[in-house]
PDB file of N, CA and C in Angstrom:
ATOM      1  N   MET A   1     -20.309  13.300  -1.419  1.00  0.00           N
ATOM      2  CA  MET A   1     -19.710  11.997  -1.169  1.00  0.00           C
ATOM      3  C   MET A   1     -20.449  11.327  -0.028  1.00  0.00           C
ATOM      4  N   ASN A   2     -20.223  10.065   0.129  1.00  0.00           N
ATOM      5  CA  ASN A   2     -20.900   9.263   1.140  1.00  0.00           C
ATOM      6  C   ASN A   2     -20.374   9.598   2.535  1.00  0.00           C
ATOM      7  N   SER A   3     -21.279  10.007   3.411  1.00  0.00           N
ATOM      8  CA  SER A   3     -20.859  10.402   4.763  1.00  0.00           C
ATOM      9  C   SER A   3     -20.344   9.211   5.570  1.00  0.00           C
ATOM     10  N   SER A   4     -20.888   8.035   5.325  1.00  0.00           N
ATOM     11  CA  SER A   4     -20.392   6.836   6.025  1.00  0.00           C
ATOM     12  C   SER A   4     -18.944   6.560   5.656  1.00  0.00           C
ATOM     13  N   LEU A   5     -18.649   6.719   4.402  1.00  0.00           N
ATOM     14  CA  LEU A   5     -17.286   6.516   3.932  1.00  0.00           C
ATOM     15  C   LEU A   5     -16.346   7.552   4.553  1.00  0.00           C
ATOM     16  N   GLU A   6     -16.777   8.786   4.614  1.00  0.00           N
ATOM     17  CA  GLU A   6     -15.960   9.848   5.202  1.00  0.00           C
ATOM     18  C   GLU A   6     -15.708   9.595   6.688  1.00  0.00           C
ATOM     19  N   LYS A   7     -16.697   9.083   7.377  1.00  0.00           N
ATOM     20  CA  LYS A   7     -16.523   8.748   8.798  1.00  0.00           C
ATOM     21  C   LYS A   7     -15.498   7.635   8.968  1.00  0.00           C
ATOM     22  N   LEU A   8     -15.534   6.679   8.065  1.00  0.00           N
ATOM     23  CA  LEU A   8     -14.548   5.593   8.108  1.00  0.00           C
ATOM     24  C   LEU A   8     -13.139   6.126   7.856  1.00  0.00           C
ATOM     25  N   PHE A   9     -13.017   7.081   6.962  1.00  0.00           N
ATOM     26  CA  PHE A   9     -11.716   7.696   6.705  1.00  0.00           C
ATOM     27  C   PHE A   9     -11.171   8.333   7.975  1.00  0.00           C
ATOM     28  N   GLU A  10     -12.019   9.004   8.691  1.00  0.00           N
ATOM     29  CA  GLU A  10     -11.599   9.643   9.944  1.00  0.00           C
ATOM     30  C   GLU A  10     -11.236   8.595  10.990  1.00  0.00           C
ATOM     31  N   LYS A  11     -12.055   7.572  11.091  1.00  0.00           N
ATOM     32  CA  LYS A  11     -11.814   6.514  12.081  1.00  0.00           C
ATOM     33  C   LYS A  11     -10.460   5.846  11.860  1.00  0.00           C
ATOM     34  N   TYR A  12     -10.140   5.570  10.612  1.00  0.00           N
ATOM     35  CA  TYR A  12      -8.905   4.846  10.297  1.00  0.00           C
ATOM     36  C   TYR A  12      -7.730   5.774   9.972  1.00  0.00           C
ATOM     37  N   GLU A  13      -7.948   7.066  10.038  1.00  0.00           N
ATOM     38  CA  GLU A  13      -6.886   8.061   9.820  1.00  0.00           C
ATOM     39  C   GLU A  13      -6.086   7.781   8.546  1.00  0.00           C
ATOM     40  N   LEU A  14      -6.793   7.710   7.452  1.00  0.00           N
ATOM     41  CA  LEU A  14      -6.165   7.429   6.162  1.00  0.00           C
ATOM     42  C   LEU A  14      -5.432   8.649   5.613  1.00  0.00           C
ATOM     43  N   LEU A  15      -4.424   8.394   4.851  1.00  0.00           N
ATOM     44  CA  LEU A  15      -3.717   9.464   4.154  1.00  0.00           C
ATOM     45  C   LEU A  15      -4.609  10.028   3.059  1.00  0.00           C
ATOM     46  N   GLU A  16      -4.376  11.278   2.704  1.00  0.00           N
ATOM     47  CA  GLU A  16      -5.193  11.915   1.659  1.00  0.00           C
ATOM     48  C   GLU A  16      -5.108  11.145   0.342  1.00  0.00           C
ATOM     49  N   LYS A  17      -3.935  10.661   0.043  1.00  0.00           N
ATOM     50  CA  LYS A  17      -3.741   9.887  -1.192  1.00  0.00           C
ATOM     51  C   LYS A  17      -4.640   8.645  -1.184  1.00  0.00           C
ATOM     52  N   ASP A  18      -4.665   7.940  -0.055  1.00  0.00           N
ATOM     53  CA  ASP A  18      -5.490   6.740   0.059  1.00  0.00           C
ATOM     54  C   ASP A  18      -6.980   7.081  -0.011  1.00  0.00           C
ATOM     55  N   LYS A  19      -7.360   8.165   0.629  1.00  0.00           N
ATOM     56  CA  LYS A  19      -8.757   8.605   0.578  1.00  0.00           C
ATOM     57  C   LYS A  19      -9.173   8.890  -0.859  1.00  0.00           C
ATOM     58  N   HIS A  20      -8.312   9.574  -1.559  1.00  0.00           N
ATOM     59  CA  HIS A  20      -8.612   9.922  -2.950  1.00  0.00           C
ATOM     60  C   HIS A  20      -8.802   8.661  -3.797  1.00  0.00           C
ATOM     61  N   GLU A  21      -7.898   7.704  -3.641  1.00  0.00           N
ATOM     62  CA  GLU A  21      -7.985   6.471  -4.418  1.00  0.00           C
ATOM     63  C   GLU A  21      -9.256   5.688  -4.085  1.00  0.00           C
ATOM     64  N   ILE A  22      -9.594   5.630  -2.811  1.00  0.00           N
ATOM     65  CA  ILE A  22     -10.807   4.911  -2.415  1.00  0.00           C
ATOM     66  C   ILE A  22     -12.043   5.624  -2.959  1.00  0.00           C
ATOM     67  N   ARG A  23     -12.046   6.939  -2.898  1.00  0.00           N
ATOM     68  CA  ARG A  23     -13.185   7.693  -3.452  1.00  0.00           C
ATOM     69  C   ARG A  23     -13.354   7.424  -4.942  1.00  0.00           C
ATOM     70  N   GLN A  24     -12.239   7.365  -5.653  1.00  0.00           N
ATOM     71  CA  GLN A  24     -12.294   7.099  -7.092  1.00  0.00           C
ATOM     72  C   GLN A  24     -12.897   5.724  -7.363  1.00  0.00           C
ATOM     73  N   ILE A  25     -12.431   4.740  -6.638  1.00  0.00           N
ATOM     74  CA  ILE A  25     -12.954   3.380  -6.811  1.00  0.00           C
ATOM     75  C   ILE A  25     -14.420   3.328  -6.393  1.00  0.00           C
ATOM     76  N   PHE A  26     -14.725   3.951  -5.273  1.00  0.00           N
ATOM     77  CA  PHE A  26     -16.087   3.959  -4.730  1.00  0.00           C
ATOM     78  C   PHE A  26     -17.082   4.515  -5.744  1.00  0.00           C
ATOM     79  N   SER A  27     -16.676   5.545  -6.434  1.00  0.00           N
ATOM     80  CA  SER A  27     -17.577   6.179  -7.400  1.00  0.00           C
ATOM     81  C   SER A  27     -17.936   5.262  -8.570  1.00  0.00           C
ATOM     82  N   LEU A  28     -17.125   4.263  -8.813  1.00  0.00           N
ATOM     83  CA  LEU A  28     -17.363   3.340  -9.914  1.00  0.00           C
ATOM     84  C   LEU A  28     -18.200   2.121  -9.522  1.00  0.00           C
ATOM     85  N   LEU A  29     -18.408   1.930  -8.238  1.00  0.00           N
ATOM     86  CA  LEU A  29     -19.107   0.739  -7.757  1.00  0.00           C
ATOM     87  C   LEU A  29     -20.627   0.876  -7.861  1.00  0.00           C
ATOM     88  N   SER A  30     -21.268  -0.267  -7.962  1.00  0.00           N
ATOM     89  CA  SER A  30     -22.734  -0.285  -7.899  1.00  0.00           C
ATOM     90  C   SER A  30     -23.151   0.019  -6.458  1.00  0.00           C
ATOM     91  N   LEU A  31     -24.415   0.331  -6.271  1.00  0.00           N
ATOM     92  CA  LEU A  31     -24.913   0.641  -4.918  1.00  0.00           C
ATOM     93  C   LEU A  31     -24.685  -0.525  -3.959  1.00  0.00           C
ATOM     94  N   GLU A  32     -24.917  -1.703  -4.439  1.00  0.00           N
ATOM     95  CA  GLU A  32     -24.726  -2.893  -3.595  1.00  0.00           C
ATOM     96  C   GLU A  32     -23.265  -3.037  -3.169  1.00  0.00           C
ATOM     97  N   LYS A  33     -22.357  -2.856  -4.104  1.00  0.00           N
ATOM     98  CA  LYS A  33     -20.934  -3.001  -3.790  1.00  0.00           C
ATOM     99  C   LYS A  33     -20.434  -1.854  -2.919  1.00  0.00           C
ATOM    100  N   LYS A  34     -20.997  -0.687  -3.096  1.00  0.00           N
ATOM    101  CA  LYS A  34     -20.650   0.433  -2.217  1.00  0.00           C
ATOM    102  C   LYS A  34     -20.999   0.094  -0.776  1.00  0.00           C
ATOM    103  N   GLN A  35     -22.177  -0.459  -0.584  1.00  0.00           N
ATOM    104  CA  GLN A  35     -22.600  -0.820   0.762  1.00  0.00           C
ATOM    105  C   GLN A  35     -21.720  -1.921   1.340  1.00  0.00           C
ATOM    106  N   LYS A  36     -21.354  -2.877   0.504  1.00  0.00           N
ATOM    107  CA  LYS A  36     -20.468  -3.955   0.963  1.00  0.00           C
ATOM    108  C   LYS A  36     -19.111  -3.400   1.386  1.00  0.00           C
ATOM    109  N   LEU A  37     -18.618  -2.457   0.625  1.00  0.00           N
ATOM    110  CA  LEU A  37     -17.341  -1.842   0.981  1.00  0.00           C
ATOM    111  C   LEU A  37     -17.440  -1.148   2.336  1.00  0.00           C
ATOM    112  N   ILE A  38     -18.495  -0.413   2.539  1.00  0.00           N
ATOM    113  CA  ILE A  38     -18.690   0.284   3.817  1.00  0.00           C
ATOM    114  C   ILE A  38     -18.852  -0.721   4.952  1.00  0.00           C
ATOM    115  N   ASP A  39     -19.644  -1.746   4.724  1.00  0.00           N
ATOM    116  CA  ASP A  39     -19.887  -2.757   5.765  1.00  0.00           C
ATOM    117  C   ASP A  39     -18.625  -3.548   6.118  1.00  0.00           C
ATOM    118  N   ASN A  40     -17.763  -3.725   5.148  1.00  0.00           N
ATOM    119  CA  ASN A  40     -16.555  -4.545   5.351  1.00  0.00           C
ATOM    120  C   ASN A  40     -15.270  -3.724   5.330  1.00  0.00           C
ATOM    121  N   PHE A  41     -15.395  -2.456   5.607  1.00  0.00           N
ATOM    122  CA  PHE A  41     -14.246  -1.568   5.494  1.00  0.00           C
ATOM    123  C   PHE A  41     -13.097  -1.993   6.405  1.00  0.00           C
ATOM    124  N   ASP A  42     -13.406  -2.491   7.589  1.00  0.00           N
ATOM    125  CA  ASP A  42     -12.346  -2.916   8.496  1.00  0.00           C
ATOM    126  C   ASP A  42     -11.512  -4.042   7.883  1.00  0.00           C
ATOM    127  N   LYS A  43     -12.169  -4.970   7.188  1.00  0.00           N
ATOM    128  CA  LYS A  43     -11.445  -6.056   6.522  1.00  0.00           C
ATOM    129  C   LYS A  43     -10.612  -5.524   5.358  1.00  0.00           C
ATOM    130  N   VAL A  44     -11.215  -4.646   4.590  1.00  0.00           N
ATOM    131  CA  VAL A  44     -10.505  -4.054   3.447  1.00  0.00           C
ATOM    132  C   VAL A  44      -9.279  -3.292   3.943  1.00  0.00           C
ATOM    133  N   PHE A  45      -9.485  -2.483   4.970  1.00  0.00           N
ATOM    134  CA  PHE A  45      -8.386  -1.698   5.520  1.00  0.00           C
ATOM    135  C   PHE A  45      -7.280  -2.607   6.049  1.00  0.00           C
ATOM    136  N   SER A  46      -7.655  -3.645   6.745  1.00  0.00           N
ATOM    137  CA  SER A  46      -6.683  -4.598   7.274  1.00  0.00           C
ATOM    138  C   SER A  46      -5.879  -5.245   6.146  1.00  0.00           C
ATOM    139  N   ASN A  47      -6.554  -5.626   5.076  1.00  0.00           N
ATOM    140  CA  ASN A  47      -5.863  -6.240   3.931  1.00  0.00           C
ATOM    141  C   ASN A  47      -4.922  -5.252   3.245  1.00  0.00           C
ATOM    142  N   VAL A  48      -5.336  -4.009   3.157  1.00  0.00           N
ATOM    143  CA  VAL A  48      -4.478  -2.988   2.548  1.00  0.00           C
ATOM    144  C   VAL A  48      -3.212  -2.801   3.382  1.00  0.00           C
ATOM    145  N   ILE A  49      -3.371  -2.760   4.696  1.00  0.00           N
ATOM    146  CA  ILE A  49      -2.213  -2.620   5.585  1.00  0.00           C
ATOM    147  C   ILE A  49      -1.267  -3.805   5.426  1.00  0.00           C
ATOM    148  N   LYS A  50      -1.809  -5.003   5.371  1.00  0.00           N
ATOM    149  CA  LYS A  50      -0.982  -6.200   5.176  1.00  0.00           C
ATOM    150  C   LYS A  50      -0.238  -6.128   3.851  1.00  0.00           C
ATOM    151  N   LEU A  51      -0.930  -5.706   2.821  1.00  0.00           N
ATOM    152  CA  LEU A  51      -0.312  -5.586   1.509  1.00  0.00           C
ATOM    153  C   LEU A  51       0.818  -4.554   1.522  1.00  0.00           C
ATOM    154  N   LYS A  52       0.573  -3.423   2.162  1.00  0.00           N
ATOM    155  CA  LYS A  52       1.610  -2.386   2.242  1.00  0.00           C
ATOM    156  C   LYS A  52       2.834  -2.886   3.008  1.00  0.00           C
ATOM    157  N   ARG A  53       2.602  -3.628   4.079  1.00  0.00           N
ATOM    158  CA  ARG A  53       3.728  -4.191   4.843  1.00  0.00           C
ATOM    159  C   ARG A  53       4.536  -5.153   3.983  1.00  0.00           C
ATOM    160  N   THR A  54       3.823  -6.013   3.267  1.00  0.00           N
ATOM    161  CA  THR A  54       4.486  -6.978   2.394  1.00  0.00           C
ATOM    162  C   THR A  54       5.299  -6.263   1.320  1.00  0.00           C
ATOM    163  N   MET A  55       4.713  -5.233   0.739  1.00  0.00           N
ATOM    164  CA  MET A  55       5.418  -4.468  -0.291  1.00  0.00           C
ATOM    165  C   MET A  55       6.651  -3.789   0.299  1.00  0.00           C
ATOM    166  N   PHE A  56       6.539  -3.255   1.493  1.00  0.00           N
ATOM    167  CA  PHE A  56       7.671  -2.602   2.147  1.00  0.00           C
ATOM    168  C   PHE A  56       8.798  -3.602   2.384  1.00  0.00           C
ATOM    169  N   ILE A  57       8.449  -4.779   2.886  1.00  0.00           N
ATOM    170  CA  ILE A  57       9.456  -5.822   3.124  1.00  0.00           C
ATOM    171  C   ILE A  57      10.110  -6.238   1.812  1.00  0.00           C
ATOM    172  N   ASP A  58       9.307  -6.437   0.777  1.00  0.00           N
ATOM    173  CA  ASP A  58       9.846  -6.827  -0.528  1.00  0.00           C
ATOM    174  C   ASP A  58      10.773  -5.752  -1.087  1.00  0.00           C
ATOM    175  N   GLN A  59      10.380  -4.509  -0.964  1.00  0.00           N
ATOM    176  CA  GLN A  59      11.220  -3.410  -1.449  1.00  0.00           C
ATOM    177  C   GLN A  59      12.543  -3.368  -0.698  1.00  0.00           C
ATOM    178  N   ASN A  60      12.484  -3.571   0.605  1.00  0.00           N
ATOM    179  CA  ASN A  60      13.717  -3.582   1.395  1.00  0.00           C
ATOM    180  C   ASN A  60      14.612  -4.741   1.005  1.00  0.00           C
ATOM    181  N   ASN A  61      14.021  -5.900   0.767  1.00  0.00           N
ATOM    182  CA  ASN A  61      14.808  -7.061   0.347  1.00  0.00           C
ATOM    183  C   ASN A  61      15.489  -6.801  -0.991  1.00  0.00           C
ATOM    184  N   ILE A  62      14.767  -6.238  -1.921  1.00  0.00           N
ATOM    185  CA  ILE A  62      15.338  -5.918  -3.233  1.00  0.00           C
ATOM    186  C   ILE A  62      16.456  -4.888  -3.085  1.00  0.00           C
ATOM    187  N   TYR A  63      16.217  -3.878  -2.279  1.00  0.00           N
ATOM    188  CA  TYR A  63      17.212  -2.828  -2.040  1.00  0.00           C
ATOM    189  C   TYR A  63      18.484  -3.449  -1.444  1.00  0.00           C
ATOM    190  N   ASN A  64      18.308  -4.288  -0.435  1.00  0.00           N
ATOM    191  CA  ASN A  64      19.471  -4.909   0.207  1.00  0.00           C
ATOM    192  C   ASN A  64      20.237  -5.822  -0.751  1.00  0.00           C
ATOM    193  N   LYS A  65      19.523  -6.580  -1.558  1.00  0.00           N
ATOM    194  CA  LYS A  65      20.184  -7.438  -2.543  1.00  0.00           C
ATOM    195  C   LYS A  65      20.962  -6.594  -3.553  1.00  0.00           C
ATOM    196  N   THR A  66      20.362  -5.506  -3.964  1.00  0.00           N
ATOM    197  CA  THR A  66      21.021  -4.616  -4.923  1.00  0.00           C
ATOM    198  C   THR A  66      22.297  -4.040  -4.323  1.00  0.00           C
ATOM    199  N   LEU A  67      22.212  -3.597  -3.084  1.00  0.00           N
ATOM    200  CA  LEU A  67      23.406  -3.063  -2.415  1.00  0.00           C
ATOM    201  C   LEU A  67      24.509  -4.110  -2.305  1.00  0.00           C
ATOM    202  N   LYS A  68      24.139  -5.326  -1.973  1.00  0.00           N
ATOM    203  CA  LYS A  68      25.127  -6.402  -1.870  1.00  0.00           C
ATOM    204  C   LYS A  68      25.774  -6.670  -3.224  1.00  0.00           C
ATOM    205  N   ASN A  69      24.968  -6.666  -4.284  1.00  0.00           N
ATOM    206  CA  ASN A  69      25.517  -6.889  -5.624  1.00  0.00           C
ATOM    207  C   ASN A  69      26.457  -5.764  -6.028  1.00  0.00           C
ATOM    208  N   ILE A  70      26.103  -4.552  -5.725  1.00  0.00           N
ATOM    209  CA  ILE A  70      26.966  -3.404  -6.046  1.00  0.00           C
ATOM    210  C   ILE A  70      28.268  -3.505  -5.266  1.00  0.00           C
ATOM    211  N   ASP A  71      28.148  -3.815  -3.989  1.00  0.00           N
ATOM    212  CA  ASP A  71      29.343  -3.957  -3.152  1.00  0.00           C
ATOM    213  C   ASP A  71      30.255  -5.069  -3.682  1.00  0.00           C
ATOM    214  N   LYS A  72      29.656  -6.164  -4.065  1.00  0.00           N
ATOM    215  CA  LYS A  72      30.434  -7.288  -4.603  1.00  0.00           C
ATOM    216  C   LYS A  72      31.159  -6.885  -5.889  1.00  0.00           C
ATOM    217  N   LYS A  73      30.472  -6.179  -6.763  1.00  0.00           N
ATOM    218  CA  LYS A  73      31.089  -5.746  -8.020  1.00  0.00           C
ATOM    219  C   LYS A  73      32.225  -4.753  -7.773  1.00  0.00           C
ATOM    220  N   ILE A  74      32.014  -3.865  -6.835  1.00  0.00           N
ATOM    221  CA  ILE A  74      33.072  -2.898  -6.497  1.00  0.00           C
ATOM    222  C   ILE A  74      34.279  -3.628  -5.930  1.00  0.00           C
ATOM    223  N   ASN A  75      34.033  -4.576  -5.053  1.00  0.00           N
ATOM    224  CA  ASN A  75      35.140  -5.348  -4.477  1.00  0.00           C
ATOM    225  C   ASN A  75      35.874  -6.149  -5.545  1.00  0.00           C
ATOM    226  N   ASN A  76      35.152  -6.696  -6.498  1.00  0.00           N
ATOM    227  CA  ASN A  76      35.776  -7.426  -7.609  1.00  0.00           C
ATOM    228  C   ASN A  76      36.637  -6.499  -8.441  1.00  0.00           C
ATOM    229  N   LEU A  77      36.158  -5.312  -8.700  1.00  0.00           N
ATOM    230  CA  LEU A  77      36.936  -4.341  -9.471  1.00  0.00           C
ATOM    231  C   LEU A  77      38.194  -3.931  -8.727  1.00  0.00           C
ATOM    232  N   ILE A  78      38.063  -3.723  -7.446  1.00  0.00           N
ATOM    233  CA  ILE A  78      39.210  -3.308  -6.635  1.00  0.00           C
ATOM    234  C   ILE A  78      40.247  -4.431  -6.568  1.00  0.00           C
ATOM    235  N   SER A  79      39.800  -5.632  -6.415  1.00  0.00           N
ATOM    236  CA  SER A  79      40.721  -6.768  -6.301  1.00  0.00           C
ATOM    237  C   SER A  79      41.466  -7.033  -7.609  1.00  0.00           C
ATOM    238  N   LYS A  80      40.890  -6.642  -8.742  1.00  0.00           N
ATOM    239  CA  LYS A  80      41.541  -6.841 -10.034  1.00  0.00           C
ATOM    240  C   LYS A  80      42.650  -5.836 -10.272  1.00  0.00           C
ATOM    241  N   GLN A  81      42.618  -4.754  -9.549  1.00  0.00           N
ATOM    242  CA  GLN A  81      43.623  -3.717  -9.784  1.00  0.00           C
ATOM    243  C   GLN A  81      44.884  -4.010  -9.118  1.00  0.00           C
TER     244      GLN A  81
END
């Protein structure tokens, strides 16, 4: 595997799952795109972190809405009795 890529993994302390996924994608890239990925890894990493944060917030919002809907339905059932 590419030693530059491995050094970047260490620098950014990526999870094994993330390393594996990046390695898989990396193996499919042309030489030019591989170099671009290495050269711009900080930007890529930053975008991935932003995306993960957004996904986490969205998941929490969905979870909270679901809980509110369940609570509302339970309260409606209780009030009907």
